[in-house]
Every structure is written in C-alpha cells, then in structure tokens.
Amino acid sequence: CEVATFVTFQIDGKRHDEWYDTDERPSDEC
C-alpha cells in the first residue's frame, strides 16, 4: 500500500506474527 498526503506512507503488507499474543495470531499462513 502507498498513500501520499503530507508525506508518503508505504506499507509492505507483511504481517508480523510474533507481535500477536498466541491466542490472537491469525490462522492463515499467507
């Protein structure tokens, strides 16, 4: 994703599973 307003924000979409608690982790593997 990319959004340019007063600055450009770029998001790579990669999910950081280690950030989630074990019970919160998304179940998909993509």
PDB file of all heavy atoms in Angstrom:
ATOM      1  N   CYS A   1       0.846  -1.187   0.000  1.00  0.00           N
ATOM      2  CA  CYS A   1       0.000   0.000   0.000  1.00  0.00           C
ATOM      3  C   CYS A   1       0.884   1.240   0.000  1.00  0.00           C
ATOM      4  O   CYS A   1       1.972   1.227   0.595  1.00  0.00           O
ATOM      5  CB  CYS A   1      -0.877  -0.037   1.251  1.00  0.00           C
ATOM      6  SG  CYS A   1      -1.992   1.342   1.401  1.00  0.00           S
ATOM      7  N   GLU A   2       0.404   2.283  -0.649  1.00  0.00           N
ATOM      8  CA  GLU A   2       1.102   3.565  -0.650  1.00  0.00           C
ATOM      9  C   GLU A   2       0.070   4.677  -0.568  1.00  0.00           C
ATOM     10  O   GLU A   2      -0.923   4.667  -1.295  1.00  0.00           O
ATOM     11  CB  GLU A   2       1.926   3.736  -1.932  1.00  0.00           C
ATOM     12  CG  GLU A   2       2.635   5.056  -2.033  1.00  0.00           C
ATOM     13  CD  GLU A   2       3.398   5.221  -3.337  1.00  0.00           C
ATOM     14  OE1 GLU A   2       3.671   4.215  -4.014  1.00  0.00           O
ATOM     15  OE2 GLU A   2       3.711   6.373  -3.681  1.00  0.00           O
ATOM     16  N   VAL A   3       0.301   5.621   0.343  1.00  0.00           N
ATOM     17  CA  VAL A   3      -0.565   6.785   0.492  1.00  0.00           C
ATOM     18  C   VAL A   3       0.329   8.008   0.572  1.00  0.00           C
ATOM     19  O   VAL A   3       1.229   8.070   1.413  1.00  0.00           O
ATOM     20  CB  VAL A   3      -1.440   6.702   1.763  1.00  0.00           C
ATOM     21  CG1 VAL A   3      -2.309   7.940   1.898  1.00  0.00           C
ATOM     22  CG2 VAL A   3      -2.299   5.448   1.756  1.00  0.00           C
ATOM     23  N   ALA A   4       0.082   8.975  -0.313  1.00  0.00           N
ATOM     24  CA  ALA A   4       0.852  10.222  -0.290  1.00  0.00           C
ATOM     25  C   ALA A   4      -0.075  11.360   0.106  1.00  0.00           C
ATOM     26  O   ALA A   4      -1.003  11.699  -0.629  1.00  0.00           O
ATOM     27  CB  ALA A   4       1.482  10.494  -1.647  1.00  0.00           C
ATOM     28  N   THR A   5       0.171  11.890   1.283  1.00  0.00           N
ATOM     29  CA  THR A   5      -0.546  13.084   1.746  1.00  0.00           C
ATOM     30  C   THR A   5       0.535  14.140   1.999  1.00  0.00           C
ATOM     31  O   THR A   5       1.213  14.513   1.054  1.00  0.00           O
ATOM     32  CB  THR A   5      -1.380  12.776   3.013  1.00  0.00           C
ATOM     33  OG1 THR A   5      -0.526  12.227   4.020  1.00  0.00           O
ATOM     34  CG2 THR A   5      -2.505  11.801   2.711  1.00  0.00           C
ATOM     35  N   PHE A   6       0.752  14.551   3.233  1.00  0.00           N
ATOM     36  CA  PHE A   6       1.828  15.498   3.536  1.00  0.00           C
ATOM     37  C   PHE A   6       3.192  14.811   3.502  1.00  0.00           C
ATOM     38  O   PHE A   6       4.232  15.458   3.468  1.00  0.00           O
ATOM     39  CB  PHE A   6       1.597  16.172   4.895  1.00  0.00           C
ATOM     40  CG  PHE A   6       1.590  15.208   6.055  1.00  0.00           C
ATOM     41  CD1 PHE A   6       2.734  14.999   6.798  1.00  0.00           C
ATOM     42  CD2 PHE A   6       0.432  14.518   6.389  1.00  0.00           C
ATOM     43  CE1 PHE A   6       2.736  14.113   7.863  1.00  0.00           C
ATOM     44  CE2 PHE A   6       0.420  13.631   7.458  1.00  0.00           C
ATOM     45  CZ  PHE A   6       1.575  13.431   8.196  1.00  0.00           C
ATOM     46  N   VAL A   7       3.177  13.466   3.510  1.00  0.00           N
ATOM     47  CA  VAL A   7       4.363  12.625   3.396  1.00  0.00           C
ATOM     48  C   VAL A   7       3.875  11.314   2.779  1.00  0.00           C
ATOM     49  O   VAL A   7       2.679  11.020   2.784  1.00  0.00           O
ATOM     50  CB  VAL A   7       5.019  12.411   4.795  1.00  0.00           C
ATOM     51  CG1 VAL A   7       4.136  11.598   5.702  1.00  0.00           C
ATOM     52  CG2 VAL A   7       6.402  11.821   4.698  1.00  0.00           C
ATOM     53  N   THR A   8       4.773  10.524   2.233  1.00  0.00           N
ATOM     54  CA  THR A   8       4.367   9.250   1.635  1.00  0.00           C
ATOM     55  C   THR A   8       4.501   8.132   2.664  1.00  0.00           C
ATOM     56  O   THR A   8       5.555   7.951   3.265  1.00  0.00           O
ATOM     57  CB  THR A   8       5.227   8.921   0.404  1.00  0.00           C
ATOM     58  OG1 THR A   8       5.042   9.960  -0.556  1.00  0.00           O
ATOM     59  CG2 THR A   8       4.818   7.592  -0.211  1.00  0.00           C
ATOM     60  N   PHE A   9       3.413   7.408   2.842  1.00  0.00           N
ATOM     61  CA  PHE A   9       3.391   6.246   3.720  1.00  0.00           C
ATOM     62  C   PHE A   9       3.425   5.008   2.832  1.00  0.00           C
ATOM     63  O   PHE A   9       2.616   4.895   1.906  1.00  0.00           O
ATOM     64  CB  PHE A   9       2.108   6.209   4.560  1.00  0.00           C
ATOM     65  CG  PHE A   9       1.935   7.392   5.463  1.00  0.00           C
ATOM     66  CD1 PHE A   9       1.250   8.521   5.028  1.00  0.00           C
ATOM     67  CD2 PHE A   9       2.448   7.376   6.745  1.00  0.00           C
ATOM     68  CE1 PHE A   9       1.081   9.613   5.856  1.00  0.00           C
ATOM     69  CE2 PHE A   9       2.287   8.475   7.589  1.00  0.00           C
ATOM     70  CZ  PHE A   9       1.602   9.593   7.153  1.00  0.00           C
ATOM     71  N   GLN A  10       4.341   4.092   3.110  1.00  0.00           N
ATOM     72  CA  GLN A  10       4.403   2.834   2.368  1.00  0.00           C
ATOM     73  C   GLN A  10       4.291   1.683   3.346  1.00  0.00           C
ATOM     74  O   GLN A  10       5.014   1.649   4.349  1.00  0.00           O
ATOM     75  CB  GLN A  10       5.694   2.736   1.559  1.00  0.00           C
ATOM     76  CG  GLN A  10       5.730   3.753   0.436  1.00  0.00           C
ATOM     77  CD  GLN A  10       6.966   3.628  -0.417  1.00  0.00           C
ATOM     78  OE1 GLN A  10       8.042   3.329   0.065  1.00  0.00           O
ATOM     79  NE2 GLN A  10       6.802   3.877  -1.704  1.00  0.00           N
ATOM     80  N   ILE A  11       3.393   0.769   3.038  1.00  0.00           N
ATOM     81  CA  ILE A  11       3.142  -0.385   3.895  1.00  0.00           C
ATOM     82  C   ILE A  11       3.381  -1.629   3.053  1.00  0.00           C
ATOM     83  O   ILE A  11       2.830  -1.759   1.962  1.00  0.00           O
ATOM     84  CB  ILE A  11       1.698  -0.352   4.432  1.00  0.00           C
ATOM     85  CG1 ILE A  11       1.503   0.925   5.256  1.00  0.00           C
ATOM     86  CG2 ILE A  11       1.384  -1.603   5.232  1.00  0.00           C
ATOM     87  CD1 ILE A  11       0.070   1.226   5.601  1.00  0.00           C
ATOM     88  N   ASP A  12       4.199  -2.540   3.553  1.00  0.00           N
ATOM     89  CA  ASP A  12       4.529  -3.720   2.754  1.00  0.00           C
ATOM     90  C   ASP A  12       3.510  -4.855   2.889  1.00  0.00           C
ATOM     91  O   ASP A  12       3.547  -5.804   2.130  1.00  0.00           O
ATOM     92  CB  ASP A  12       5.944  -4.222   3.046  1.00  0.00           C
ATOM     93  CG  ASP A  12       6.119  -4.828   4.423  1.00  0.00           C
ATOM     94  OD1 ASP A  12       5.136  -4.969   5.172  1.00  0.00           O
ATOM     95  OD2 ASP A  12       7.263  -5.179   4.756  1.00  0.00           O
ATOM     96  N   GLY A  13       2.610  -4.789   3.847  1.00  0.00           N
ATOM     97  CA  GLY A  13       1.573  -5.807   3.982  1.00  0.00           C
ATOM     98  C   GLY A  13       2.021  -7.061   4.713  1.00  0.00           C
ATOM     99  O   GLY A  13       1.207  -7.936   4.997  1.00  0.00           O
ATOM    100  N   LYS A  14       3.298  -7.171   5.006  1.00  0.00           N
ATOM    101  CA  LYS A  14       3.800  -8.361   5.702  1.00  0.00           C
ATOM    102  C   LYS A  14       3.364  -8.301   7.159  1.00  0.00           C
ATOM    103  O   LYS A  14       3.619  -7.344   7.862  1.00  0.00           O
ATOM    104  CB  LYS A  14       5.324  -8.426   5.626  1.00  0.00           C
ATOM    105  CG  LYS A  14       5.907  -9.670   6.244  1.00  0.00           C
ATOM    106  CD  LYS A  14       7.420  -9.662   6.131  1.00  0.00           C
ATOM    107  CE  LYS A  14       8.065 -10.894   6.669  1.00  0.00           C
ATOM    108  NZ  LYS A  14       7.676 -11.294   7.987  1.00  0.00           N
ATOM    109  N   ARG A  15       2.705  -9.356   7.562  1.00  0.00           N
ATOM    110  CA  ARG A  15       2.201  -9.444   8.935  1.00  0.00           C
ATOM    111  C   ARG A  15       3.316  -9.970   9.840  1.00  0.00           C
ATOM    112  O   ARG A  15       3.991 -10.933   9.507  1.00  0.00           O
ATOM    113  CB  ARG A  15       0.993 -10.376   8.971  1.00  0.00           C
ATOM    114  CG  ARG A  15       0.297 -10.450  10.302  1.00  0.00           C
ATOM    115  CD  ARG A  15      -0.884 -11.396  10.269  1.00  0.00           C
ATOM    116  NE  ARG A  15      -0.406 -12.758  10.039  1.00  0.00           N
ATOM    117  CZ  ARG A  15      -0.977 -13.598   9.179  1.00  0.00           C
ATOM    118  NH1 ARG A  15      -2.013 -13.255   8.471  1.00  0.00           N
ATOM    119  NH2 ARG A  15      -0.493 -14.816   9.038  1.00  0.00           N
ATOM    120  N   HIS A  16       3.503  -9.340  10.988  1.00  0.00           N
ATOM    121  CA  HIS A  16       4.500  -9.769  11.965  1.00  0.00           C
ATOM    122  C   HIS A  16       3.796 -10.608  13.029  1.00  0.00           C
ATOM    123  O   HIS A  16       3.322 -10.092  14.044  1.00  0.00           O
ATOM    124  CB  HIS A  16       5.200  -8.562  12.599  1.00  0.00           C
ATOM    125  CG  HIS A  16       5.970  -7.760  11.611  1.00  0.00           C
ATOM    126  ND1 HIS A  16       7.225  -8.123  11.164  1.00  0.00           N
ATOM    127  CD2 HIS A  16       5.657  -6.623  10.944  1.00  0.00           C
ATOM    128  CE1 HIS A  16       7.652  -7.240  10.288  1.00  0.00           C
ATOM    129  NE2 HIS A  16       6.715  -6.319  10.127  1.00  0.00           N
ATOM    130  N   ASP A  17       3.755 -11.911  12.798  1.00  0.00           N
ATOM    131  CA  ASP A  17       3.028 -12.810  13.694  1.00  0.00           C
ATOM    132  C   ASP A  17       3.570 -12.787  15.120  1.00  0.00           C
ATOM    133  O   ASP A  17       2.816 -12.991  16.078  1.00  0.00           O
ATOM    134  CB  ASP A  17       3.044 -14.240  13.149  1.00  0.00           C
ATOM    135  CG  ASP A  17       2.156 -14.394  11.930  1.00  0.00           C
ATOM    136  OD1 ASP A  17       1.225 -13.574  11.756  1.00  0.00           O
ATOM    137  OD2 ASP A  17       2.383 -15.342  11.155  1.00  0.00           O
ATOM    138  N   GLU A  18       4.867 -12.530  15.284  1.00  0.00           N
ATOM    139  CA  GLU A  18       5.451 -12.512  16.628  1.00  0.00           C
ATOM    140  C   GLU A  18       4.913 -11.363  17.479  1.00  0.00           C
ATOM    141  O   GLU A  18       5.017 -11.384  18.702  1.00  0.00           O
ATOM    142  CB  GLU A  18       6.987 -12.474  16.559  1.00  0.00           C
ATOM    143  CG  GLU A  18       7.573 -11.289  15.846  1.00  0.00           C
ATOM    144  CD  GLU A  18       7.593 -11.401  14.315  1.00  0.00           C
ATOM    145  OE1 GLU A  18       7.251 -12.460  13.753  1.00  0.00           O
ATOM    146  OE2 GLU A  18       7.924 -10.398  13.685  1.00  0.00           O
ATOM    147  N   TRP A  19       4.329 -10.354  16.851  1.00  0.00           N
ATOM    148  CA  TRP A  19       3.761  -9.220  17.575  1.00  0.00           C
ATOM    149  C   TRP A  19       2.497  -9.626  18.332  1.00  0.00           C
ATOM    150  O   TRP A  19       2.193  -9.093  19.386  1.00  0.00           O
ATOM    151  CB  TRP A  19       3.454  -8.083  16.587  1.00  0.00           C
ATOM    152  CG  TRP A  19       2.951  -6.845  17.245  1.00  0.00           C
ATOM    153  CD1 TRP A  19       3.695  -5.872  17.852  1.00  0.00           C
ATOM    154  CD2 TRP A  19       1.590  -6.434  17.364  1.00  0.00           C
ATOM    155  NE1 TRP A  19       2.866  -4.884  18.335  1.00  0.00           N
ATOM    156  CE2 TRP A  19       1.565  -5.206  18.042  1.00  0.00           C
ATOM    157  CE3 TRP A  19       0.385  -6.981  16.954  1.00  0.00           C
ATOM    158  CZ2 TRP A  19       0.395  -4.520  18.331  1.00  0.00           C
ATOM    159  CZ3 TRP A  19      -0.788  -6.300  17.235  1.00  0.00           C
ATOM    160  CH2 TRP A  19      -0.774  -5.077  17.919  1.00  0.00           C
ATOM    161  N   TYR A  20       1.762 -10.587  17.782  1.00  0.00           N
ATOM    162  CA  TYR A  20       0.497 -11.036  18.375  1.00  0.00           C
ATOM    163  C   TYR A  20       0.739 -11.978  19.550  1.00  0.00           C
ATOM    164  O   TYR A  20       1.695 -12.743  19.563  1.00  0.00           O
ATOM    165  CB  TYR A  20      -0.336 -11.790  17.333  1.00  0.00           C
ATOM    166  CG  TYR A  20      -0.802 -10.946  16.183  1.00  0.00           C
ATOM    167  CD1 TYR A  20      -0.087 -10.927  14.984  1.00  0.00           C
ATOM    168  CD2 TYR A  20      -1.955 -10.187  16.265  1.00  0.00           C
ATOM    169  CE1 TYR A  20      -0.510 -10.162  13.908  1.00  0.00           C
ATOM    170  CE2 TYR A  20      -2.384  -9.419  15.198  1.00  0.00           C
ATOM    171  CZ  TYR A  20      -1.663  -9.405  14.028  1.00  0.00           C
ATOM    172  OH  TYR A  20      -2.077  -8.652  12.965  1.00  0.00           O
ATOM    173  N   ASP A  21      -0.164 -11.921  20.519  1.00  0.00           N
ATOM    174  CA  ASP A  21      -0.188 -12.960  21.546  1.00  0.00           C
ATOM    175  C   ASP A  21      -0.606 -14.251  20.867  1.00  0.00           C
ATOM    176  O   ASP A  21      -1.280 -14.237  19.829  1.00  0.00           O
ATOM    177  CB  ASP A  21      -1.199 -12.612  22.647  1.00  0.00           C
ATOM    178  CG  ASP A  21      -0.744 -11.401  23.475  1.00  0.00           C
ATOM    179  OD1 ASP A  21       0.475 -11.176  23.572  1.00  0.00           O
ATOM    180  OD2 ASP A  21      -1.630 -10.703  24.010  1.00  0.00           O
ATOM    181  N   THR A  22      -0.247 -15.378  21.450  1.00  0.00           N
ATOM    182  CA  THR A  22      -0.531 -16.680  20.837  1.00  0.00           C
ATOM    183  C   THR A  22      -2.006 -16.850  20.492  1.00  0.00           C
ATOM    184  O   THR A  22      -2.341 -17.314  19.409  1.00  0.00           O
ATOM    185  CB  THR A  22      -0.081 -17.817  21.780  1.00  0.00           C
ATOM    186  OG1 THR A  22       1.293 -17.614  22.091  1.00  0.00           O
ATOM    187  CG2 THR A  22      -0.252 -19.172  21.120  1.00  0.00           C
ATOM    188  N   ASP A  23      -2.892 -16.439  21.378  1.00  0.00           N
ATOM    189  CA  ASP A  23      -4.326 -16.610  21.136  1.00  0.00           C
ATOM    190  C   ASP A  23      -4.892 -15.611  20.128  1.00  0.00           C
ATOM    191  O   ASP A  23      -6.004 -15.763  19.644  1.00  0.00           O
ATOM    192  CB  ASP A  23      -5.112 -16.541  22.444  1.00  0.00           C
ATOM    193  CG  ASP A  23      -4.949 -15.207  23.155  1.00  0.00           C
ATOM    194  OD1 ASP A  23      -3.884 -14.568  23.006  1.00  0.00           O
ATOM    195  OD2 ASP A  23      -5.892 -14.801  23.878  1.00  0.00           O
ATOM    196  N   GLU A  24      -4.140 -14.569  19.775  1.00  0.00           N
ATOM    197  CA  GLU A  24      -4.583 -13.559  18.816  1.00  0.00           C
ATOM    198  C   GLU A  24      -4.109 -13.832  17.394  1.00  0.00           C
ATOM    199  O   GLU A  24      -4.604 -13.221  16.455  1.00  0.00           O
ATOM    200  CB  GLU A  24      -4.025 -12.176  19.182  1.00  0.00           C
ATOM    201  CG  GLU A  24      -4.483 -11.586  20.468  1.00  0.00           C
ATOM    202  CD  GLU A  24      -3.787 -10.257  20.724  1.00  0.00           C
ATOM    203  OE1 GLU A  24      -2.555 -10.159  20.547  1.00  0.00           O
ATOM    204  OE2 GLU A  24      -4.500  -9.316  21.086  1.00  0.00           O
ATOM    205  N   ARG A  25      -3.111 -14.691  17.246  1.00  0.00           N
ATOM    206  CA  ARG A  25      -2.485 -14.894  15.939  1.00  0.00           C
ATOM    207  C   ARG A  25      -3.487 -15.327  14.886  1.00  0.00           C
ATOM    208  O   ARG A  25      -4.278 -16.234  15.108  1.00  0.00           O
ATOM    209  CB  ARG A  25      -1.405 -15.964  16.035  1.00  0.00           C
ATOM    210  CG  ARG A  25      -0.088 -15.353  16.264  1.00  0.00           C
ATOM    211  CD  ARG A  25       1.065 -16.263  16.128  1.00  0.00           C
ATOM    212  NE  ARG A  25       2.111 -15.601  16.884  1.00  0.00           N
ATOM    213  CZ  ARG A  25       2.921 -16.183  17.720  1.00  0.00           C
ATOM    214  NH1 ARG A  25       2.879 -17.470  17.897  1.00  0.00           N
ATOM    215  NH2 ARG A  25       3.802 -15.484  18.371  1.00  0.00           N
ATOM    216  N   PRO A  26      -3.434 -14.683  13.723  1.00  0.00           N
ATOM    217  CA  PRO A  26      -4.301 -15.111  12.613  1.00  0.00           C
ATOM    218  C   PRO A  26      -3.975 -16.543  12.210  1.00  0.00           C
ATOM    219  O   PRO A  26      -2.818 -16.979  12.284  1.00  0.00           O
ATOM    220  CB  PRO A  26      -3.954 -14.139  11.491  1.00  0.00           C
ATOM    221  CG  PRO A  26      -3.367 -12.947  12.186  1.00  0.00           C
ATOM    222  CD  PRO A  26      -2.670 -13.493  13.389  1.00  0.00           C
ATOM    223  N   SER A  27      -4.989 -17.251  11.779  1.00  0.00           N
ATOM    224  CA  SER A  27      -4.808 -18.676  11.469  1.00  0.00           C
ATOM    225  C   SER A  27      -4.308 -18.930  10.045  1.00  0.00           C
ATOM    226  O   SER A  27      -3.805 -19.999   9.755  1.00  0.00           O
ATOM    227  CB  SER A  27      -6.118 -19.435  11.699  1.00  0.00           C
ATOM    228  OG  SER A  27      -7.133 -18.887  10.881  1.00  0.00           O
ATOM    229  N   ASP A  28      -4.449 -17.953   9.146  1.00  0.00           N
ATOM    230  CA  ASP A  28      -3.981 -18.195   7.781  1.00  0.00           C
ATOM    231  C   ASP A  28      -2.462 -18.154   7.724  1.00  0.00           C
ATOM    232  O   ASP A  28      -1.805 -17.573   8.576  1.00  0.00           O
ATOM    233  CB  ASP A  28      -4.599 -17.211   6.780  1.00  0.00           C
ATOM    234  CG  ASP A  28      -4.168 -15.781   7.020  1.00  0.00           C
ATOM    235  OD1 ASP A  28      -2.957 -15.512   6.978  1.00  0.00           O
ATOM    236  OD2 ASP A  28      -5.037 -14.920   7.240  1.00  0.00           O
ATOM    237  N   GLU A  29      -1.915 -18.771   6.717  1.00  0.00           N
ATOM    238  CA  GLU A  29      -0.462 -18.909   6.626  1.00  0.00           C
ATOM    239  C   GLU A  29       0.176 -18.059   5.533  1.00  0.00           C
ATOM    240  O   GLU A  29       1.352 -18.211   5.246  1.00  0.00           O
ATOM    241  CB  GLU A  29      -0.103 -20.383   6.406  1.00  0.00           C
ATOM    242  CG  GLU A  29      -0.509 -21.257   7.572  1.00  0.00           C
ATOM    243  CD  GLU A  29      -0.163 -22.719   7.354  1.00  0.00           C
ATOM    244  OE1 GLU A  29       0.596 -23.018   6.412  1.00  0.00           O
ATOM    245  OE2 GLU A  29      -0.656 -23.534   8.125  1.00  0.00           O
ATOM    246  N   CYS A  30      -0.574 -17.164   4.930  1.00  0.00           N
ATOM    247  CA  CYS A  30      -0.012 -16.393   3.816  1.00  0.00           C
ATOM    248  C   CYS A  30       0.974 -15.331   4.284  1.00  0.00           C
ATOM    249  O   CYS A  30       1.803 -14.867   3.518  1.00  0.00           O
ATOM    250  CB  CYS A  30      -1.117 -15.785   2.975  1.00  0.00           C
ATOM    251  SG  CYS A  30      -1.877 -14.350   3.734  1.00  0.00           S
TER     252      CYS A  30
END
